[in-house]
Amino acid sequence: MSFRNILDGAASMGAALVTTGVCGVPAWFTVQAVRADIAPVWAYAAAGVLAAIGAILTLAFGRKALAGVAPTRQRRR
């Protein structure tokens, strides 16, 4: 594995962490708002969809990180 692939894998791991934060934090706060009776109950659906999308993207970026593929590419360079 070349150094470029290691850097590409690190970039993909960073993208996975950012995706987790961008999707996970708002979903968690939405659930907390519904539990505190600030948001309507249907907001659970929005939080669930956001969490599912975040989980799918995080797994995709994690797979790319383990393979040493850059986040914007499909194969190794």
Protein backbone atom coordinates (compact mmCIF):
# COMPACT_ATOMS: atom_id res chain seq x y z
CA MET A 1 0.00 0.00 0.00
CA SER A 2 1.51 3.30 -1.06
CA PHE A 3 1.57 6.46 1.00
CA ARG A 4 -1.02 8.02 -1.34
CA ASN A 5 -3.47 5.23 -0.51
CA ILE A 6 -2.87 5.77 3.20
CA LEU A 7 -3.64 9.47 2.82
CA ASP A 8 -6.72 8.69 0.73
CA GLY A 9 -7.90 6.29 3.42
CA ALA A 10 -7.35 8.94 6.08
CA ALA A 11 -9.38 11.42 4.02
CA SER A 12 -12.20 8.89 3.75
CA MET A 13 -12.07 8.28 7.51
CA GLY A 14 -12.30 12.03 8.05
CA ALA A 15 -15.29 12.18 5.73
CA ALA A 16 -16.92 9.36 7.72
CA LEU A 17 -16.41 11.26 10.98
CA VAL A 18 -17.75 14.51 9.52
CA THR A 19 -20.78 12.68 8.12
CA THR A 20 -21.48 11.15 11.51
CA GLY A 21 -21.39 14.59 13.12
CA VAL A 22 -23.40 16.35 10.42
CA CYS A 23 -26.18 13.74 10.43
CA GLY A 24 -26.01 12.33 13.95
CA VAL A 25 -26.04 15.49 16.04
CA PRO A 26 -29.18 17.04 14.47
CA ALA A 27 -30.97 13.69 14.63
CA TRP A 28 -30.09 13.32 18.32
CA PHE A 29 -31.23 16.87 19.12
CA THR A 30 -34.47 16.28 17.22
CA VAL A 31 -35.20 13.21 19.34
CA GLN A 32 -34.43 15.19 22.49
CA ALA A 33 -36.75 18.00 21.35
CA VAL A 34 -39.60 15.54 20.78
CA ARG A 35 -39.05 13.98 24.20
CA ALA A 36 -39.15 17.44 25.79
CA ASP A 37 -42.42 18.25 23.96
CA ILE A 38 -40.80 21.05 21.99
CA ALA A 39 -41.18 19.38 18.58
CA PRO A 40 -44.16 17.38 17.27
CA VAL A 41 -44.13 13.59 17.35
CA TRP A 42 -43.85 13.33 13.55
CA ALA A 43 -40.33 14.77 13.86
CA TYR A 44 -39.22 11.27 14.91
CA ALA A 45 -39.65 10.29 11.25
CA ALA A 46 -37.39 13.10 10.08
CA ALA A 47 -34.78 12.17 12.70
CA GLY A 48 -34.95 8.52 11.68
CA VAL A 49 -34.50 9.31 7.99
CA LEU A 50 -31.57 11.63 8.73
CA ALA A 51 -29.95 9.01 10.98
CA ALA A 52 -30.41 6.30 8.32
CA ILE A 53 -28.86 8.44 5.60
CA GLY A 54 -25.98 9.30 7.93
CA ALA A 55 -25.41 5.64 8.78
CA ILE A 56 -25.37 4.62 5.11
CA LEU A 57 -22.90 7.35 4.18
CA THR A 58 -20.72 6.66 7.20
CA LEU A 59 -20.50 2.97 6.31
CA ALA A 60 -19.68 3.82 2.69
CA PHE A 61 -16.88 6.19 3.71
CA GLY A 62 -15.63 3.67 6.27
CA ARG A 63 -15.42 0.99 3.60
CA LYS A 64 -13.48 3.35 1.39
CA ALA A 65 -11.16 4.22 4.27
CA LEU A 66 -10.31 0.56 4.86
CA ALA A 67 -9.66 0.06 1.15
CA GLY A 68 -7.51 3.19 0.83
CA VAL A 69 -9.81 4.95 -1.62
CA ALA A 70 -10.31 8.73 -1.65
CA PRO A 71 -13.81 9.93 -0.70
CA THR A 72 -14.48 11.34 -4.18
CA ARG A 73 -13.19 8.34 -6.12
CA GLN A 74 -14.56 4.88 -6.82
CA ARG A 75 -11.23 3.05 -7.13
CA ARG A 76 -7.67 3.45 -5.96
CA ARG A 77 -5.38 5.77 -7.83
